[in-house]
Amino acid sequence: MVCHLLTYMGRRIATLDDVDVENKRVLVRVDVNSPVNPHTGELLDVSRIVEHSTTIRELVRRNAAVVVISHQGRPLDQDFVGLSSHAQVLSNILGVNVNFVDDVIGPEARRAIERLEPGGILMLDNTRLLAEDTVEAPPEVHSRSFLVSKLAPFFSYFVNDAFATCHRSQASIVGFPLRLPSVAGRVLERELRALNKIIELGEKPKIFVLGGAKLDDTVKVVKHVVESGIADEVLTTGLVAVLFLLAKGVRVPKEVEAKVLSKVSREFFNEARELVARFGSVKIPIDFIVEDKGVLSVSHASTLKGTPKDIGPSTIEYYSNKLSKAKVIVMRGPAGVIEDPRFRVGTDSLVKAALESSAYTVFGGGHFIATVSRLPEELRSKVGHVSTAGGALLYFLAGEKLPGLEALARSNEIFKIAI
């Protein structure tokens, strides 16, 4: 068996290349958490199911008996539904029958697992039907949970393919690796290799373009990448840019200030003030497209009038020029309110500039899939990696430990899968 080295913080993680799954039962944790129409229950975006079908198809081809688990939504939310629709979508994608059982650890689920033949696929119901899969706890605690204790004895291997959930220390993510030899699935492997490449590539400059509305987490990312020297420059956009504008002491309209301050803690606002004072490499837009009483205009950042909805033309030109010289580009979060087509120009322009450069590009956030799809094929083919992860990606870029990856590294050390 050929081994392809995959590491996390200097520790080895085994992959599907390191195990023989033929005629074995394999438990696969995916993340098919999808937006749901609250009125019809229809899945509005199945891109995550499409992604994970790669791992599942390979396991079936290698004659494993494949059992799939995932969560969907949070208890009491409108998108907290069962996984029967997900199983049907997966069946359609794979062109084979995916059995579904509306049970997770009960007798019906266990009987269905026992009956599953090599080459077959079974999807269990939403893991968050069990309260313990909504609780954060150490792997040792979760390894003794009902979910893990009831299911682990049926399987030879656990495959974690859900990079997007690896920032959570929950039973279905961190419990199984202490009980079963555990490896990375192809989606998780692809995500980790792309993110490792950002750090390992020696070519410079490395430029991070950071926007979106997750302000505390993004400030952590800025702090880590500039202090560690991973990033040569950080170009801020979206609400992140307005936060750093405020941190610099620039006055903005009161309603804009109130919105930003409602989304950032005092601790991270102070961090932003320190970062913008210490590091000239943290860049703030020159201008914004603003909306004031329904009228759109361009406003200089230093005299902001109205509500910023996108970066302005001078900023697009300034940032695009920097991106044209980059060797590594990481983009996370949109530059504007891209739900409205009028405010997609900034995001589309920066993505185009990144792909026209000679840089290795990583885009973080599902909205970039739609952005890239609007570009010509010759540019789409230059994409390095598009990550659909949210919190996990931010945690990784901020240099924080991801419990799901830590658990996979520990499993390799316990079971000596790939040394």
Protein backbone atom coordinates (compact mmCIF):
# COMPACT_ATOMS: atom_id res chain seq x y z
CA MET A 1 0.00 0.00 0.00
CA VAL A 2 1.46 3.37 -1.07
CA CYS A 3 1.49 5.98 1.70
CA HIS A 4 1.22 9.71 1.00
CA LEU A 5 2.43 11.74 3.96
CA LEU A 6 -0.29 13.92 5.51
CA THR A 7 0.60 15.95 8.58
CA TYR A 8 -1.04 18.30 11.04
CA MET A 9 1.17 20.45 13.27
CA GLY A 10 4.04 18.03 12.68
CA ARG A 11 2.02 14.89 13.48
CA ARG A 12 1.09 12.17 11.01
CA ILE A 13 -2.51 11.60 9.95
CA ALA A 14 -3.36 8.39 8.07
CA THR A 15 -5.40 8.51 4.86
CA LEU A 16 -7.39 6.01 2.81
CA ASP A 17 -4.12 5.12 1.07
CA ASP A 18 -2.88 3.60 4.34
CA VAL A 19 -5.66 1.06 4.95
CA ASP A 20 -7.13 -2.03 3.27
CA VAL A 21 -10.90 -1.65 3.49
CA GLU A 22 -11.93 -4.58 1.30
CA ASN A 23 -14.77 -6.57 2.90
CA LYS A 24 -14.52 -4.31 5.99
CA ARG A 25 -17.24 -2.22 7.59
CA VAL A 26 -16.23 1.44 7.51
CA LEU A 27 -17.94 4.29 9.37
CA VAL A 28 -17.67 7.61 7.53
CA ARG A 29 -18.36 10.95 9.20
CA VAL A 30 -19.28 13.51 6.54
CA ASP A 31 -20.68 17.03 6.75
CA VAL A 32 -23.77 17.23 4.56
CA ASN A 33 -25.33 19.98 6.67
CA SER A 34 -27.29 21.86 3.99
CA PRO A 35 -29.66 24.82 3.75
CA VAL A 36 -33.27 23.62 3.91
CA ASN A 37 -36.49 25.18 2.62
CA PRO A 38 -38.46 25.53 5.89
CA HIS A 39 -41.79 25.07 4.08
CA THR A 40 -41.05 22.04 1.92
CA GLY A 41 -38.01 20.44 3.58
CA GLU A 42 -36.21 20.55 0.20
CA LEU A 43 -32.42 20.78 0.26
CA LEU A 44 -31.49 24.10 -1.36
CA ASP A 45 -27.79 23.36 -1.93
CA VAL A 46 -26.36 19.86 -2.28
CA SER A 47 -22.74 20.84 -3.01
CA ARG A 48 -21.44 19.26 0.20
CA ILE A 49 -23.11 15.95 -0.66
CA VAL A 50 -21.46 16.09 -4.09
CA GLU A 51 -18.07 16.71 -2.43
CA HIS A 52 -18.34 13.76 -0.03
CA SER A 53 -19.59 11.41 -2.73
CA THR A 54 -15.95 11.17 -3.90
CA THR A 55 -14.86 9.46 -0.68
CA ILE A 56 -17.95 7.24 -0.52
CA ARG A 57 -17.63 6.17 -4.16
CA GLU A 58 -13.99 5.16 -3.61
CA LEU A 59 -14.86 3.08 -0.55
CA VAL A 60 -17.62 1.29 -2.46
CA ARG A 61 -15.25 0.66 -5.38
CA ARG A 62 -12.83 -0.87 -2.88
CA ASN A 63 -15.64 -3.19 -1.70
CA ALA A 64 -16.13 -1.76 1.78
CA ALA A 65 -19.48 -1.82 3.56
CA VAL A 66 -20.01 1.92 4.08
CA VAL A 67 -22.08 3.50 6.85
CA VAL A 68 -22.46 7.28 6.65
CA ILE A 69 -23.19 9.61 9.56
CA SER A 70 -23.67 13.38 9.68
CA HIS A 71 -25.49 16.12 11.52
CA GLN A 72 -28.05 18.53 10.03
CA GLY A 73 -28.94 21.82 11.70
CA ARG A 74 -29.26 22.46 15.40
CA PRO A 75 -32.07 21.20 17.67
CA LEU A 76 -35.19 23.40 17.46
CA ASP A 77 -33.91 25.32 14.41
CA GLN A 78 -35.94 25.18 11.18
CA ASP A 79 -33.20 23.24 9.38
CA PHE A 80 -33.04 20.54 12.07
CA VAL A 81 -34.39 17.68 9.97
CA GLY A 82 -33.68 14.03 9.31
CA LEU A 83 -31.32 12.80 6.61
CA SER A 84 -33.70 10.87 4.35
CA SER A 85 -33.53 13.57 1.65
CA HIS A 86 -29.74 13.61 1.90
CA ALA A 87 -29.66 9.84 1.36
CA GLN A 88 -31.85 10.18 -1.74
CA VAL A 89 -29.62 12.93 -3.16
CA LEU A 90 -26.54 10.79 -2.50
CA SER A 91 -28.24 7.84 -4.26
CA ASN A 92 -28.86 10.04 -7.31
CA ILE A 93 -25.26 11.31 -7.38
CA LEU A 94 -23.69 7.86 -7.02
CA GLY A 95 -26.19 6.05 -9.23
CA VAL A 96 -26.57 3.31 -6.60
CA ASN A 97 -29.05 2.73 -3.82
CA VAL A 98 -28.20 4.36 -0.48
CA ASN A 99 -30.20 2.67 2.26
CA PHE A 100 -31.53 5.00 4.95
CA VAL A 101 -32.67 4.19 8.46
CA ASP A 102 -34.36 6.78 10.68
CA ASP A 103 -32.32 5.67 13.68
CA VAL A 104 -28.82 6.41 14.94
CA ILE A 105 -27.84 3.91 17.64
CA GLY A 106 -31.02 1.97 18.34
CA PRO A 107 -31.85 -1.65 17.43
CA GLU A 108 -33.03 -0.76 13.93
CA ALA A 109 -29.75 1.02 13.13
CA ARG A 110 -27.65 -1.80 14.54
CA ARG A 111 -29.59 -4.45 12.61
CA ALA A 112 -29.20 -2.47 9.37
CA ILE A 113 -25.43 -2.20 9.97
CA GLU A 114 -25.14 -5.95 10.59
CA ARG A 115 -27.06 -6.73 7.38
CA LEU A 116 -25.00 -4.40 5.19
CA GLU A 117 -22.95 -6.25 2.58
CA PRO A 118 -19.57 -5.17 1.13
CA GLY A 119 -20.18 -2.60 -1.60
CA GLY A 120 -23.37 -1.42 0.09
CA ILE A 121 -24.10 2.03 1.55
CA LEU A 122 -26.21 2.87 4.60
CA MET A 123 -26.94 6.35 5.94
CA LEU A 124 -28.00 6.70 9.57
CA ASP A 125 -30.16 9.58 10.76
CA ASN A 126 -29.08 12.98 12.10
CA THR A 127 -26.46 12.46 14.84
CA ARG A 128 -27.79 15.52 16.67
CA LEU A 129 -30.91 13.57 17.51
CA LEU A 130 -28.58 12.44 20.30
CA ALA A 131 -27.96 15.28 22.75
CA GLU A 132 -24.39 14.12 23.37
CA ASP A 133 -23.44 15.05 19.78
CA THR A 134 -24.20 18.70 20.55
CA VAL A 135 -21.89 18.81 23.59
CA GLU A 136 -18.23 19.89 23.59
CA ALA A 137 -16.08 17.52 25.67
CA PRO A 138 -12.63 15.89 25.53
CA PRO A 139 -12.15 12.87 23.23
CA GLU A 140 -11.71 10.55 26.24
CA VAL A 141 -15.20 11.49 27.45
CA HIS A 142 -16.78 11.15 24.00
CA SER A 143 -15.09 7.79 23.44
CA ARG A 144 -17.35 6.47 26.23
CA SER A 145 -20.51 8.10 24.85
CA PHE A 146 -23.57 6.05 23.83
CA LEU A 147 -23.02 7.00 20.18
CA VAL A 148 -19.47 5.66 20.11
CA SER A 149 -20.03 2.72 22.45
CA LYS A 150 -23.03 1.43 20.47
CA LEU A 151 -21.53 1.85 16.98
CA ALA A 152 -17.76 1.34 17.28
CA PRO A 153 -17.90 -2.48 17.79
CA PHE A 154 -19.41 -2.93 14.30
CA PHE A 155 -16.55 -1.29 12.39
CA SER A 156 -12.96 -1.92 11.36
CA TYR A 157 -12.22 1.72 10.51
CA PHE A 158 -13.51 5.25 11.09
CA VAL A 159 -13.08 7.80 8.29
CA ASN A 160 -13.40 11.49 9.13
CA ASP A 161 -14.20 13.34 5.91
CA ALA A 162 -15.79 16.35 7.64
CA PHE A 163 -13.07 19.00 7.80
CA ALA A 164 -15.77 21.67 8.21
CA THR A 165 -16.66 20.28 11.66
CA CYS A 166 -13.12 19.60 12.90
CA HIS A 167 -13.13 22.70 15.13
CA ARG A 168 -15.77 20.95 17.25
CA SER A 169 -14.90 18.46 19.99
CA GLN A 170 -18.10 16.45 19.65
CA ALA A 171 -18.77 12.73 19.88
CA SER A 172 -19.15 11.94 16.17
CA ILE A 173 -15.89 13.80 15.43
CA VAL A 174 -13.46 13.00 18.26
CA GLY A 175 -14.92 9.94 20.02
CA PHE A 176 -14.40 7.22 17.40
CA PRO A 177 -10.65 7.82 16.76
CA LEU A 178 -9.82 6.63 20.28
CA ARG A 179 -11.76 3.39 19.72
CA LEU A 180 -11.07 2.62 16.05
CA PRO A 181 -8.15 3.01 13.61
CA SER A 182 -9.13 6.31 11.99
CA VAL A 183 -8.10 8.02 8.76
CA ALA A 184 -8.81 11.16 6.76
CA GLY A 185 -11.29 10.92 3.90
CA ARG A 186 -10.57 12.55 0.55
CA VAL A 187 -12.40 15.83 1.28
CA LEU A 188 -10.64 16.34 4.60
CA GLU A 189 -7.32 15.29 3.06
CA ARG A 190 -7.72 17.77 0.21
CA GLU A 191 -8.58 20.61 2.62
CA LEU A 192 -5.62 19.89 4.89
CA ARG A 193 -3.14 19.56 2.04
CA ALA A 194 -4.26 22.91 0.59
CA LEU A 195 -3.98 24.70 3.94
CA ASN A 196 -0.62 23.11 4.73
CA LYS A 197 0.58 24.30 1.34
CA ILE A 198 -0.22 27.93 2.28
CA ILE A 199 2.16 27.68 5.22
CA GLU A 200 4.83 25.50 3.62
CA LEU A 201 5.26 27.31 0.30
CA GLY A 202 8.39 29.46 0.55
CA GLU A 203 7.44 31.78 -2.30
CA LYS A 204 6.52 35.35 -1.43
CA PRO A 205 4.63 37.58 -1.19
CA LYS A 206 1.80 35.76 0.56
CA ILE A 207 -1.33 37.90 0.66
CA PHE A 208 -4.46 37.26 2.71
CA VAL A 209 -7.72 38.97 1.66
CA LEU A 210 -10.07 38.83 4.63
CA GLY A 211 -13.70 39.95 4.73
CA GLY A 212 -17.07 38.68 5.89
CA ALA A 213 -18.83 39.22 9.20
CA LYS A 214 -17.07 36.81 11.65
CA LEU A 215 -15.12 39.63 13.25
CA ASP A 216 -13.63 38.08 16.40
CA ASP A 217 -12.40 35.02 14.52
CA THR A 218 -11.02 37.10 11.67
CA VAL A 219 -9.08 39.36 14.04
CA LYS A 220 -7.51 36.19 15.47
CA VAL A 221 -6.50 35.19 11.94
CA VAL A 222 -4.98 38.60 11.21
CA LYS A 223 -3.04 38.51 14.48
CA HIS A 224 -1.66 35.02 13.84
CA VAL A 225 -0.67 35.46 10.19
CA VAL A 226 1.04 38.84 10.62
CA GLU A 227 2.80 38.06 13.90
CA SER A 228 4.03 34.69 12.65
CA GLY A 229 5.11 36.09 9.29
CA ILE A 230 2.85 33.70 7.36
CA ALA A 231 1.27 36.70 5.59
CA ASP A 232 3.29 39.50 4.02
CA GLU A 233 0.15 41.62 3.71
CA VAL A 234 -3.48 41.41 4.81
CA LEU A 235 -6.03 43.22 2.64
CA THR A 236 -9.24 43.83 4.61
CA THR A 237 -12.69 44.00 3.02
CA GLY A 238 -16.32 43.90 4.11
CA LEU A 239 -17.19 44.44 7.77
CA VAL A 240 -13.63 43.43 8.66
CA ALA A 241 -12.41 46.53 6.81
CA VAL A 242 -14.88 48.79 8.65
CA LEU A 243 -13.74 47.28 11.96
CA PHE A 244 -10.11 48.13 11.21
CA LEU A 245 -11.19 51.58 10.02
CA LEU A 246 -12.80 52.15 13.42
CA ALA A 247 -9.76 50.66 15.15
CA LYS A 248 -7.61 53.22 13.35
CA GLY A 249 -9.73 56.00 14.82
CA VAL A 250 -11.64 56.98 11.68
CA ARG A 251 -15.16 58.28 12.28
CA VAL A 252 -17.96 56.43 10.50
CA PRO A 253 -21.75 56.94 10.57
CA LYS A 254 -23.19 56.03 13.96
CA GLU A 255 -25.46 53.26 12.62
CA VAL A 256 -22.47 51.66 10.85
CA GLU A 257 -20.35 51.89 14.00
CA ALA A 258 -23.14 50.35 16.08
CA LYS A 259 -23.51 47.44 13.65
CA VAL A 260 -19.79 46.64 13.69
CA LEU A 261 -19.39 47.00 17.45
CA SER A 262 -22.37 44.67 17.98
CA LYS A 263 -20.45 41.94 16.13
CA VAL A 264 -17.06 42.24 17.86
CA SER A 265 -16.07 41.78 21.49
CA ARG A 266 -14.19 44.50 23.33
CA GLU A 267 -11.16 42.20 23.55
CA PHE A 268 -10.88 41.79 19.80
CA PHE A 269 -11.66 45.42 19.05
CA ASN A 270 -8.65 46.28 21.21
CA GLU A 271 -6.62 43.61 19.36
CA ALA A 272 -7.59 45.25 16.06
CA ARG A 273 -6.44 48.66 17.36
CA GLU A 274 -3.08 47.19 18.37
CA LEU A 275 -2.63 45.36 15.05
CA VAL A 276 -3.38 48.37 12.88
CA ALA A 277 -0.97 50.46 14.95
CA ARG A 278 1.87 47.88 14.87
CA PHE A 279 1.63 46.45 11.36
CA GLY A 280 1.60 48.53 8.22
CA SER A 281 1.00 45.27 6.39
CA VAL A 282 -2.68 45.36 7.49
CA LYS A 283 -4.34 47.32 4.68
CA ILE A 284 -7.66 49.19 4.81
CA PRO A 285 -9.74 50.15 1.75
CA ILE A 286 -9.35 53.57 0.18
CA ASP A 287 -13.03 53.86 -0.73
CA PHE A 288 -16.37 52.08 -0.52
CA ILE A 289 -19.57 51.81 -2.51
CA VAL A 290 -22.14 53.16 -0.04
CA GLU A 291 -25.91 53.31 0.09
CA ASP A 292 -27.61 56.33 1.64
CA LYS A 293 -31.41 56.59 1.51
CA GLY A 294 -31.50 54.25 -1.48
CA VAL A 295 -28.87 56.18 -3.44
CA LEU A 296 -25.54 54.51 -4.33
CA SER A 297 -22.30 56.47 -4.47
CA VAL A 298 -18.54 56.16 -3.94
CA SER A 299 -17.30 57.43 -0.58
CA HIS A 300 -13.70 57.86 0.53
CA ALA A 301 -12.93 55.75 3.59
CA SER A 302 -11.68 58.73 5.63
CA THR A 303 -14.96 60.61 5.20
CA LEU A 304 -17.41 57.72 5.04
CA LYS A 305 -20.99 58.76 4.28
CA GLY A 306 -23.75 56.15 4.15
CA THR A 307 -23.67 52.38 4.66
CA PRO A 308 -20.72 50.56 3.03
CA LYS A 309 -21.93 47.77 0.74
CA ASP A 310 -18.79 46.97 -1.27
CA ILE A 311 -15.22 48.12 -1.75
CA GLY A 312 -14.85 51.05 -4.16
CA PRO A 313 -13.08 51.35 -7.53
CA SER A 314 -9.84 52.84 -6.14
CA THR A 315 -9.59 49.99 -3.63
CA ILE A 316 -10.25 47.40 -6.33
CA GLU A 317 -7.41 48.87 -8.40
CA TYR A 318 -5.05 49.12 -5.39
CA TYR A 319 -5.75 45.61 -4.12
CA SER A 320 -5.72 44.06 -7.62
CA ASN A 321 -2.27 45.52 -8.26
CA LYS A 322 -0.98 43.88 -5.06
CA LEU A 323 -2.58 40.55 -5.96
CA SER A 324 -0.97 40.61 -9.42
CA LYS A 325 2.47 40.34 -7.76
CA ALA A 326 1.54 37.67 -5.19
CA LYS A 327 2.79 34.07 -5.14
CA VAL A 328 0.27 32.77 -2.59
CA ILE A 329 -3.23 34.25 -2.14
CA VAL A 330 -5.78 33.27 0.50
CA MET A 331 -9.24 34.84 0.26
CA ARG A 332 -11.78 34.38 3.05
CA GLY A 333 -15.12 36.17 3.16
CA PRO A 334 -16.80 38.42 0.58
CA ALA A 335 -15.78 42.03 -0.06
CA GLY A 336 -19.38 43.21 -0.14
CA VAL A 337 -23.03 42.30 0.34
CA ILE A 338 -22.92 39.73 -2.44
CA GLU A 339 -26.51 38.58 -1.89
CA ASP A 340 -27.33 41.74 -3.91
CA PRO A 341 -25.86 41.59 -7.45
CA ARG A 342 -25.10 45.32 -7.29
CA PHE A 343 -22.48 44.67 -4.61
CA ARG A 344 -20.60 41.72 -6.13
CA VAL A 345 -18.17 43.84 -8.17
CA GLY A 346 -15.50 43.98 -5.45
CA THR A 347 -15.52 40.25 -4.73
CA ASP A 348 -15.66 39.29 -8.42
CA SER A 349 -12.84 41.70 -9.30
CA LEU A 350 -10.50 40.46 -6.57
CA VAL A 351 -11.15 36.81 -7.45
CA LYS A 352 -10.42 37.60 -11.11
CA ALA A 353 -7.21 39.46 -10.16
CA ALA A 354 -6.09 36.53 -7.99
CA LEU A 355 -6.63 34.00 -10.77
CA GLU A 356 -4.94 36.20 -13.37
CA SER A 357 -1.81 36.24 -11.20
CA SER A 358 0.71 33.41 -11.03
CA ALA A 359 -0.18 32.72 -7.38
CA TYR A 360 -1.38 29.53 -5.72
CA THR A 361 -4.93 30.48 -4.69
CA VAL A 362 -7.11 29.24 -1.83
CA PHE A 363 -10.66 30.54 -1.48
CA GLY A 364 -12.49 30.01 1.80
CA GLY A 365 -16.28 30.08 1.95
CA GLY A 366 -19.00 28.46 -0.11
CA HIS A 367 -19.96 31.74 -1.81
CA PHE A 368 -16.71 31.59 -3.79
CA ILE A 369 -18.08 28.56 -5.67
CA ALA A 370 -20.72 30.83 -7.23
CA THR A 371 -18.19 33.62 -7.79
CA VAL A 372 -15.73 31.34 -9.57
CA SER A 373 -18.53 29.80 -11.66
CA ARG A 374 -19.19 33.21 -13.25
CA LEU A 375 -15.63 33.41 -14.61
CA PRO A 376 -14.31 32.08 -17.95
CA GLU A 377 -13.06 28.49 -17.99
CA GLU A 378 -9.42 29.53 -18.45
CA LEU A 379 -9.57 31.33 -15.09
CA ARG A 380 -11.65 28.65 -13.32
CA SER A 381 -8.98 26.10 -14.20
CA LYS A 382 -6.39 28.12 -12.24
CA VAL A 383 -8.16 27.77 -8.88
CA GLY A 384 -5.87 26.09 -6.34
CA HIS A 385 -8.53 25.14 -3.80
CA VAL A 386 -12.02 26.22 -2.75
CA SER A 387 -12.86 25.38 0.86
CA THR A 388 -16.47 25.07 1.96
CA ALA A 389 -15.43 25.17 5.63
CA GLY A 390 -16.32 28.15 7.80
CA GLY A 391 -15.29 28.01 11.43
CA ALA A 392 -12.74 25.22 10.92
CA LEU A 393 -10.93 27.22 8.25
CA LEU A 394 -10.77 30.31 10.46
CA TYR A 395 -9.49 28.26 13.41
CA PHE A 396 -6.78 26.72 11.21
CA LEU A 397 -5.69 30.08 9.81
CA ALA A 398 -5.65 31.51 13.34
CA GLY A 399 -3.17 28.81 14.39
CA GLU A 400 -5.59 27.18 16.84
CA LYS A 401 -5.78 23.43 17.34
CA LEU A 402 -8.64 21.62 15.62
CA PRO A 403 -9.93 18.79 17.85
CA GLY A 404 -11.00 16.64 14.89
CA LEU A 405 -7.51 16.69 13.39
CA GLU A 406 -5.90 16.19 16.79
CA ALA A 407 -8.06 13.09 17.25
CA LEU A 408 -6.97 11.65 13.89
CA ALA A 409 -3.31 12.21 14.78
CA ARG A 410 -3.84 10.48 18.14
CA SER A 411 -5.57 7.54 16.46
CA ASN A 412 -2.61 7.06 14.17
CA GLU A 413 -0.29 7.05 17.19
CA ILE A 414 -2.51 4.60 19.12
CA PHE A 415 -3.16 2.14 16.28
CA LYS A 416 0.07 2.75 14.31
CA ILE A 417 -1.76 2.91 10.99
CA ALA A 418 0.85 4.93 9.11
CA ILE A 419 4.18 5.51 10.86
